Protein backbone atom coordinates (compact mmCIF):
# COMPACT_ATOMS: atom_id res chain seq x y z
CA UNK A 1 0.00 0.00 0.00
CA UNK A 2 1.41 3.38 -1.02
CA UNK A 3 1.00 6.34 1.32
CA UNK A 4 0.79 9.95 0.20
CA UNK A 5 1.26 12.17 3.23
CA UNK A 6 1.26 15.93 3.25
CA UNK A 7 4.60 17.41 4.29
CA UNK A 8 5.57 20.49 6.28
CA UNK A 9 8.96 22.11 5.69
CA UNK A 10 9.97 24.60 8.40
CA UNK A 11 12.96 26.95 8.44
CA UNK A 12 14.92 26.23 11.63
CA UNK A 13 17.72 28.73 11.09
CA UNK A 14 18.71 31.11 8.31
CA UNK A 15 21.38 33.54 7.25
CA UNK A 16 19.53 34.11 3.96
CA UNK A 17 17.69 37.42 3.55
CA UNK A 18 14.74 35.56 1.97
CA UNK A 19 14.04 33.26 4.94
CA UNK A 20 13.55 33.63 8.68
CA UNK A 21 13.24 30.95 11.34
CA UNK A 22 9.66 29.73 11.48
CA UNK A 23 8.87 30.18 7.78
CA UNK A 24 6.88 27.20 6.49
CA UNK A 25 6.38 25.56 3.10
CA UNK A 26 3.45 23.12 2.91
CA UNK A 27 3.34 20.31 0.38
CA UNK A 28 -0.07 18.79 -0.33
CA UNK A 29 0.82 15.65 -2.18
CA UNK A 30 3.22 16.64 -4.93
CA UNK A 31 2.17 20.30 -4.91
CA UNK A 32 3.20 23.32 -2.86
CA UNK A 33 0.26 25.06 -1.21
CA UNK A 34 1.10 28.59 -2.38
CA UNK A 35 -1.44 30.30 -0.12
CA UNK A 36 0.03 28.79 3.07
CA UNK A 37 3.71 28.74 2.14
CA UNK A 38 6.77 30.96 2.17
CA UNK A 39 8.76 31.28 -1.04
CA UNK A 40 11.02 28.36 -1.94
CA UNK A 41 14.07 29.00 -4.10
CA UNK A 42 15.32 26.48 -6.67
CA UNK A 43 18.53 25.71 -4.74
CA UNK A 44 16.61 24.94 -1.54
CA UNK A 45 14.01 22.91 -3.45
CA UNK A 46 16.77 20.84 -5.01
CA UNK A 47 18.22 20.15 -1.54
CA UNK A 48 14.97 19.19 0.19
CA UNK A 49 13.20 17.38 -2.66
CA UNK A 50 14.46 13.82 -1.99
CA UNK A 51 13.60 14.13 1.71
CA UNK A 52 10.17 15.67 1.11
CA UNK A 53 9.43 12.90 -1.40
CA UNK A 54 10.53 10.17 1.02
CA UNK A 55 8.40 11.52 3.87
CA UNK A 56 5.46 12.05 1.52
CA UNK A 57 5.61 8.39 0.52
CA UNK A 58 5.71 7.12 4.12
CA UNK A 59 9.44 7.15 4.85
CA UNK A 60 11.19 8.74 7.77
CA UNK A 61 14.09 11.20 7.93
CA UNK A 62 16.50 10.48 10.82
CA UNK A 63 16.50 13.90 12.48
CA UNK A 64 14.51 15.80 9.87
CA UNK A 65 17.11 18.55 9.35
CA UNK A 66 18.33 19.42 5.85
CA UNK A 67 20.69 22.25 4.97
CA UNK A 68 20.49 24.20 1.74
CA UNK A 69 23.80 23.77 -0.16
CA UNK A 70 24.10 27.49 -0.90
CA UNK A 71 26.82 27.81 1.76
CA UNK A 72 26.93 31.59 1.83
CA UNK A 73 23.31 31.76 2.98
CA UNK A 74 23.08 28.67 5.24
CA UNK A 75 19.40 27.80 5.64
CA UNK A 76 18.41 24.73 7.67
CA UNK A 77 15.00 23.14 7.16
CA UNK A 78 13.07 20.56 9.19
CA UNK A 79 10.95 18.15 7.15
CA UNK A 80 8.04 16.30 8.74
CA UNK A 81 4.60 14.93 8.01
CA UNK A 82 1.97 17.63 8.16
C-alpha atoms as a PDB file:
ATOM      1  CA  UNK A   1       0.000   0.000   0.000  1.00  0.00           C
ATOM      2  CA  UNK A   2       1.411   3.378  -1.022  1.00  0.00           C
ATOM      3  CA  UNK A   3       1.003   6.342   1.321  1.00  0.00           C
ATOM      4  CA  UNK A   4       0.791   9.945   0.195  1.00  0.00           C
ATOM      5  CA  UNK A   5       1.257  12.167   3.230  1.00  0.00           C
ATOM      6  CA  UNK A   6       1.262  15.935   3.245  1.00  0.00           C
ATOM      7  CA  UNK A   7       4.601  17.406   4.289  1.00  0.00           C
ATOM      8  CA  UNK A   8       5.574  20.489   6.277  1.00  0.00           C
ATOM      9  CA  UNK A   9       8.957  22.108   5.691  1.00  0.00           C
ATOM     10  CA  UNK A  10       9.973  24.602   8.397  1.00  0.00           C
ATOM     11  CA  UNK A  11      12.959  26.950   8.440  1.00  0.00           C
ATOM     12  CA  UNK A  12      14.921  26.225  11.630  1.00  0.00           C
ATOM     13  CA  UNK A  13      17.725  28.731  11.089  1.00  0.00           C
ATOM     14  CA  UNK A  14      18.711  31.109   8.307  1.00  0.00           C
ATOM     15  CA  UNK A  15      21.379  33.545   7.250  1.00  0.00           C
ATOM     16  CA  UNK A  16      19.528  34.108   3.957  1.00  0.00           C
ATOM     17  CA  UNK A  17      17.693  37.425   3.549  1.00  0.00           C
ATOM     18  CA  UNK A  18      14.738  35.564   1.972  1.00  0.00           C
ATOM     19  CA  UNK A  19      14.040  33.261   4.944  1.00  0.00           C
ATOM     20  CA  UNK A  20      13.545  33.630   8.678  1.00  0.00           C
ATOM     21  CA  UNK A  21      13.243  30.949  11.343  1.00  0.00           C
ATOM     22  CA  UNK A  22       9.658  29.734  11.483  1.00  0.00           C
ATOM     23  CA  UNK A  23       8.870  30.176   7.775  1.00  0.00           C
ATOM     24  CA  UNK A  24       6.878  27.195   6.491  1.00  0.00           C
ATOM     25  CA  UNK A  25       6.379  25.555   3.101  1.00  0.00           C
ATOM     26  CA  UNK A  26       3.450  23.125   2.908  1.00  0.00           C
ATOM     27  CA  UNK A  27       3.343  20.311   0.383  1.00  0.00           C
ATOM     28  CA  UNK A  28      -0.065  18.789  -0.328  1.00  0.00           C
ATOM     29  CA  UNK A  29       0.822  15.645  -2.177  1.00  0.00           C
ATOM     30  CA  UNK A  30       3.221  16.642  -4.934  1.00  0.00           C
ATOM     31  CA  UNK A  31       2.169  20.299  -4.914  1.00  0.00           C
ATOM     32  CA  UNK A  32       3.196  23.319  -2.862  1.00  0.00           C
ATOM     33  CA  UNK A  33       0.261  25.058  -1.205  1.00  0.00           C
ATOM     34  CA  UNK A  34       1.096  28.587  -2.384  1.00  0.00           C
ATOM     35  CA  UNK A  35      -1.437  30.301  -0.124  1.00  0.00           C
ATOM     36  CA  UNK A  36       0.025  28.785   3.068  1.00  0.00           C
ATOM     37  CA  UNK A  37       3.711  28.745   2.136  1.00  0.00           C
ATOM     38  CA  UNK A  38       6.773  30.964   2.172  1.00  0.00           C
ATOM     39  CA  UNK A  39       8.760  31.278  -1.037  1.00  0.00           C
ATOM     40  CA  UNK A  40      11.022  28.365  -1.936  1.00  0.00           C
ATOM     41  CA  UNK A  41      14.068  29.000  -4.097  1.00  0.00           C
ATOM     42  CA  UNK A  42      15.320  26.481  -6.669  1.00  0.00           C
ATOM     43  CA  UNK A  43      18.528  25.709  -4.742  1.00  0.00           C
ATOM     44  CA  UNK A  44      16.606  24.940  -1.537  1.00  0.00           C
ATOM     45  CA  UNK A  45      14.007  22.911  -3.450  1.00  0.00           C
ATOM     46  CA  UNK A  46      16.770  20.839  -5.012  1.00  0.00           C
ATOM     47  CA  UNK A  47      18.220  20.154  -1.537  1.00  0.00           C
ATOM     48  CA  UNK A  48      14.966  19.191   0.189  1.00  0.00           C
ATOM     49  CA  UNK A  49      13.201  17.382  -2.663  1.00  0.00           C
ATOM     50  CA  UNK A  50      14.463  13.821  -1.990  1.00  0.00           C
ATOM     51  CA  UNK A  51      13.599  14.129   1.711  1.00  0.00           C
ATOM     52  CA  UNK A  52      10.169  15.669   1.106  1.00  0.00           C
ATOM     53  CA  UNK A  53       9.430  12.905  -1.397  1.00  0.00           C
ATOM     54  CA  UNK A  54      10.531  10.168   1.017  1.00  0.00           C
ATOM     55  CA  UNK A  55       8.398  11.525   3.873  1.00  0.00           C
ATOM     56  CA  UNK A  56       5.461  12.051   1.522  1.00  0.00           C
ATOM     57  CA  UNK A  57       5.615   8.387   0.520  1.00  0.00           C
ATOM     58  CA  UNK A  58       5.705   7.119   4.116  1.00  0.00           C
ATOM     59  CA  UNK A  59       9.436   7.152   4.851  1.00  0.00           C
ATOM     60  CA  UNK A  60      11.192   8.742   7.774  1.00  0.00           C
ATOM     61  CA  UNK A  61      14.091  11.201   7.933  1.00  0.00           C
ATOM     62  CA  UNK A  62      16.500  10.478  10.816  1.00  0.00           C
ATOM     63  CA  UNK A  63      16.504  13.902  12.480  1.00  0.00           C
ATOM     64  CA  UNK A  64      14.509  15.804   9.870  1.00  0.00           C
ATOM     65  CA  UNK A  65      17.112  18.555   9.353  1.00  0.00           C
ATOM     66  CA  UNK A  66      18.326  19.421   5.848  1.00  0.00           C
ATOM     67  CA  UNK A  67      20.688  22.246   4.968  1.00  0.00           C
ATOM     68  CA  UNK A  68      20.493  24.203   1.736  1.00  0.00           C
ATOM     69  CA  UNK A  69      23.796  23.771  -0.163  1.00  0.00           C
ATOM     70  CA  UNK A  70      24.099  27.486  -0.902  1.00  0.00           C
ATOM     71  CA  UNK A  71      26.816  27.809   1.756  1.00  0.00           C
ATOM     72  CA  UNK A  72      26.932  31.588   1.828  1.00  0.00           C
ATOM     73  CA  UNK A  73      23.309  31.757   2.978  1.00  0.00           C
ATOM     74  CA  UNK A  74      23.080  28.669   5.242  1.00  0.00           C
ATOM     75  CA  UNK A  75      19.397  27.797   5.643  1.00  0.00           C
ATOM     76  CA  UNK A  76      18.411  24.730   7.666  1.00  0.00           C
ATOM     77  CA  UNK A  77      15.002  23.144   7.162  1.00  0.00           C
ATOM     78  CA  UNK A  78      13.066  20.565   9.186  1.00  0.00           C
ATOM     79  CA  UNK A  79      10.953  18.150   7.150  1.00  0.00           C
ATOM     80  CA  UNK A  80       8.041  16.296   8.741  1.00  0.00           C
ATOM     81  CA  UNK A  81       4.605  14.933   8.015  1.00  0.00           C
ATOM     82  CA  UNK A  82       1.972  17.634   8.159  1.00  0.00           C
END
